Amino acid sequence: MEATTIKVYSKTKHALDDVRQEQETYDQVISRLVAQTKKKNLVKELIEAYKSKAEEDIKTAQEWDAVSDVE
């Protein structure tokens, strides 16, 4: 895999140092943080999707209840 150089402020490097695990390269730190962020975003999206589906299910159940009460 091809390597590249990126510029970061010293403050950013120190922040990376703070979250860096023993023997972890900066590439590994950044990759881990990106993966964690993607996972967190996916979890948020799944929660929203389940909430939306639950709301639809409640509406459907209410409609069925309304029809069932007529008979």
N, C-alpha and C. Protein backbone atom coordinates (compact mmCIF):
# COMPACT_ATOMS: atom_id res chain seq x y z
N MET A 1 0.84 -1.16 0.00
CA MET A 1 0.00 0.00 0.00
C MET A 1 0.89 1.24 0.00
N GLU A 2 0.51 2.21 -0.78
CA GLU A 2 1.30 3.43 -0.90
C GLU A 2 1.10 4.32 0.32
N ALA A 3 2.18 4.88 0.81
CA ALA A 3 2.12 5.79 1.96
C ALA A 3 2.13 7.22 1.47
N THR A 4 1.57 8.10 2.26
CA THR A 4 1.55 9.52 1.94
C THR A 4 1.86 10.30 3.21
N THR A 5 2.11 11.56 3.04
CA THR A 5 2.40 12.42 4.19
C THR A 5 1.26 13.41 4.34
N ILE A 6 0.81 13.58 5.57
CA ILE A 6 -0.21 14.59 5.84
C ILE A 6 0.30 15.53 6.91
N LYS A 7 -0.13 16.77 6.84
CA LYS A 7 0.27 17.76 7.83
C LYS A 7 -0.82 17.85 8.88
N VAL A 8 -0.42 17.83 10.12
CA VAL A 8 -1.35 18.07 11.21
C VAL A 8 -0.71 19.07 12.17
N TYR A 9 -1.54 19.81 12.86
CA TYR A 9 -1.03 20.73 13.87
C TYR A 9 -0.46 19.94 15.03
N SER A 10 0.47 20.54 15.74
CA SER A 10 1.07 19.89 16.90
C SER A 10 0.01 19.49 17.91
N LYS A 11 -0.99 20.34 18.07
CA LYS A 11 -2.09 20.07 18.98
C LYS A 11 -2.81 18.78 18.59
N THR A 12 -3.00 18.57 17.28
CA THR A 12 -3.65 17.36 16.78
C THR A 12 -2.78 16.14 17.03
N LYS A 13 -1.48 16.27 16.81
CA LYS A 13 -0.56 15.16 17.04
C LYS A 13 -0.58 14.76 18.51
N HIS A 14 -0.61 15.75 19.40
CA HIS A 14 -0.66 15.45 20.84
C HIS A 14 -1.98 14.75 21.20
N ALA A 15 -3.06 15.16 20.55
CA ALA A 15 -4.35 14.50 20.79
C ALA A 15 -4.29 13.06 20.32
N LEU A 16 -3.65 12.82 19.18
CA LEU A 16 -3.47 11.45 18.68
C LEU A 16 -2.60 10.64 19.65
N ASP A 17 -1.57 11.29 20.18
CA ASP A 17 -0.71 10.61 21.16
C ASP A 17 -1.50 10.19 22.39
N ASP A 18 -2.46 11.02 22.78
CA ASP A 18 -3.28 10.72 23.97
C ASP A 18 -4.16 9.49 23.77
N VAL A 19 -4.62 9.26 22.54
CA VAL A 19 -5.51 8.11 22.29
C VAL A 19 -4.76 6.91 21.71
N ARG A 20 -3.49 7.11 21.44
CA ARG A 20 -2.66 6.05 20.86
C ARG A 20 -2.43 4.94 21.86
N GLN A 21 -2.62 3.72 21.40
CA GLN A 21 -2.36 2.56 22.26
C GLN A 21 -0.92 2.13 22.06
N GLU A 22 -0.41 1.35 23.02
CA GLU A 22 0.98 0.92 22.99
C GLU A 22 1.33 0.27 21.66
N GLN A 23 2.42 0.69 21.07
CA GLN A 23 2.96 0.13 19.82
C GLN A 23 2.06 0.37 18.60
N GLU A 24 1.10 1.27 18.71
CA GLU A 24 0.19 1.55 17.60
C GLU A 24 0.78 2.66 16.73
N THR A 25 0.75 2.46 15.42
CA THR A 25 1.24 3.50 14.51
C THR A 25 0.16 4.58 14.37
N TYR A 26 0.56 5.74 13.86
CA TYR A 26 -0.42 6.80 13.65
C TYR A 26 -1.47 6.36 12.63
N ASP A 27 -1.05 5.61 11.64
CA ASP A 27 -2.00 5.09 10.66
C ASP A 27 -3.03 4.20 11.34
N GLN A 28 -2.58 3.37 12.25
CA GLN A 28 -3.50 2.49 12.97
C GLN A 28 -4.44 3.29 13.88
N VAL A 29 -3.91 4.34 14.50
CA VAL A 29 -4.74 5.19 15.36
C VAL A 29 -5.85 5.83 14.54
N ILE A 30 -5.47 6.42 13.42
CA ILE A 30 -6.44 7.10 12.56
C ILE A 30 -7.45 6.10 12.01
N SER A 31 -6.98 4.95 11.57
CA SER A 31 -7.89 3.92 11.05
C SER A 31 -8.88 3.46 12.11
N ARG A 32 -8.39 3.29 13.33
CA ARG A 32 -9.27 2.86 14.43
C ARG A 32 -10.32 3.93 14.72
N LEU A 33 -9.90 5.19 14.76
CA LEU A 33 -10.84 6.28 15.04
C LEU A 33 -11.88 6.41 13.93
N VAL A 34 -11.44 6.23 12.69
CA VAL A 34 -12.39 6.28 11.56
C VAL A 34 -13.39 5.13 11.67
N ALA A 35 -12.91 3.93 11.98
CA ALA A 35 -13.80 2.77 12.12
C ALA A 35 -14.80 2.98 13.25
N GLN A 36 -14.33 3.53 14.37
CA GLN A 36 -15.22 3.79 15.51
C GLN A 36 -16.30 4.80 15.14
N THR A 37 -15.91 5.83 14.39
CA THR A 37 -16.86 6.85 13.97
C THR A 37 -17.90 6.27 13.02
N LYS A 38 -17.44 5.44 12.07
CA LYS A 38 -18.37 4.80 11.13
C LYS A 38 -19.35 3.92 11.89
N LYS A 39 -18.86 3.16 12.87
CA LYS A 39 -19.71 2.27 13.65
C LYS A 39 -20.74 3.08 14.44
N LYS A 40 -20.28 4.16 15.06
CA LYS A 40 -21.19 5.01 15.83
C LYS A 40 -22.27 5.59 14.93
N ASN A 41 -21.89 6.04 13.74
CA ASN A 41 -22.87 6.59 12.79
C ASN A 41 -23.85 5.52 12.33
N LEU A 42 -23.35 4.32 12.09
CA LEU A 42 -24.22 3.21 11.68
C LEU A 42 -25.22 2.88 12.78
N VAL A 43 -24.76 2.86 14.00
CA VAL A 43 -25.65 2.57 15.14
C VAL A 43 -26.74 3.64 15.21
N LYS A 44 -26.37 4.91 15.04
CA LYS A 44 -27.36 5.99 15.05
C LYS A 44 -28.38 5.80 13.93
N GLU A 45 -27.91 5.47 12.74
CA GLU A 45 -28.81 5.25 11.61
C GLU A 45 -29.74 4.07 11.87
N LEU A 46 -29.22 3.00 12.44
CA LEU A 46 -30.05 1.83 12.75
C LEU A 46 -31.11 2.17 13.79
N ILE A 47 -30.73 2.92 14.80
CA ILE A 47 -31.68 3.32 15.84
C ILE A 47 -32.80 4.15 15.22
N GLU A 48 -32.44 5.10 14.37
CA GLU A 48 -33.45 5.93 13.72
C GLU A 48 -34.36 5.09 12.83
N ALA A 49 -33.79 4.14 12.12
CA ALA A 49 -34.59 3.28 11.25
C ALA A 49 -35.56 2.43 12.07
N TYR A 50 -35.08 1.88 13.19
CA TYR A 50 -35.95 1.07 14.04
C TYR A 50 -37.06 1.92 14.66
N LYS A 51 -36.73 3.16 15.06
CA LYS A 51 -37.75 4.06 15.61
C LYS A 51 -38.81 4.35 14.56
N SER A 52 -38.38 4.62 13.35
CA SER A 52 -39.32 4.90 12.26
C SER A 52 -40.20 3.69 11.98
N LYS A 53 -39.60 2.52 11.95
CA LYS A 53 -40.36 1.28 11.71
C LYS A 53 -41.35 1.04 12.85
N ALA A 54 -40.94 1.31 14.07
CA ALA A 54 -41.82 1.12 15.22
C ALA A 54 -43.02 2.06 15.12
N GLU A 55 -42.78 3.30 14.71
CA GLU A 55 -43.87 4.26 14.55
C GLU A 55 -44.86 3.77 13.47
N GLU A 56 -44.32 3.25 12.37
CA GLU A 56 -45.18 2.70 11.31
C GLU A 56 -45.99 1.52 11.84
N ASP A 57 -45.36 0.67 12.61
CA ASP A 57 -46.05 -0.50 13.17
C ASP A 57 -47.16 -0.07 14.13
N ILE A 58 -46.91 0.95 14.92
CA ILE A 58 -47.92 1.45 15.85
C ILE A 58 -49.12 1.99 15.06
N LYS A 59 -48.85 2.75 14.01
CA LYS A 59 -49.94 3.29 13.18
C LYS A 59 -50.75 2.15 12.56
N THR A 60 -50.07 1.15 12.05
CA THR A 60 -50.75 0.01 11.45
C THR A 60 -51.60 -0.72 12.48
N ALA A 61 -51.07 -0.91 13.66
CA ALA A 61 -51.82 -1.58 14.73
C ALA A 61 -53.05 -0.77 15.12
N GLN A 62 -52.89 0.55 15.19
CA GLN A 62 -54.02 1.41 15.52
C GLN A 62 -55.10 1.33 14.44
N GLU A 63 -54.67 1.30 13.17
CA GLU A 63 -55.64 1.18 12.07
C GLU A 63 -56.38 -0.14 12.16
N TRP A 64 -55.66 -1.22 12.45
CA TRP A 64 -56.29 -2.52 12.59
C TRP A 64 -57.24 -2.55 13.78
N ASP A 65 -56.86 -1.93 14.88
CA ASP A 65 -57.72 -1.85 16.04
C ASP A 65 -59.01 -1.11 15.73
N ALA A 66 -58.87 -0.02 14.97
CA ALA A 66 -60.05 0.78 14.61
C ALA A 66 -61.00 -0.04 13.75
N VAL A 67 -60.47 -0.80 12.81
CA VAL A 67 -61.30 -1.62 11.93
C VAL A 67 -61.90 -2.78 12.72
N SER A 68 -61.14 -3.36 13.62
CA SER A 68 -61.60 -4.49 14.40
C SER A 68 -62.75 -4.09 15.34
N ASP A 69 -62.74 -2.86 15.83
CA ASP A 69 -63.76 -2.39 16.76
C ASP A 69 -65.10 -2.19 16.08
N VAL A 70 -65.10 -1.99 14.76
CA VAL A 70 -66.33 -1.73 14.01
C VAL A 70 -67.20 -2.96 14.00
N GLU A 71 -66.63 -4.11 13.90
CA GLU A 71 -67.41 -5.36 13.78
C GLU A 71 -68.06 -5.73 15.02
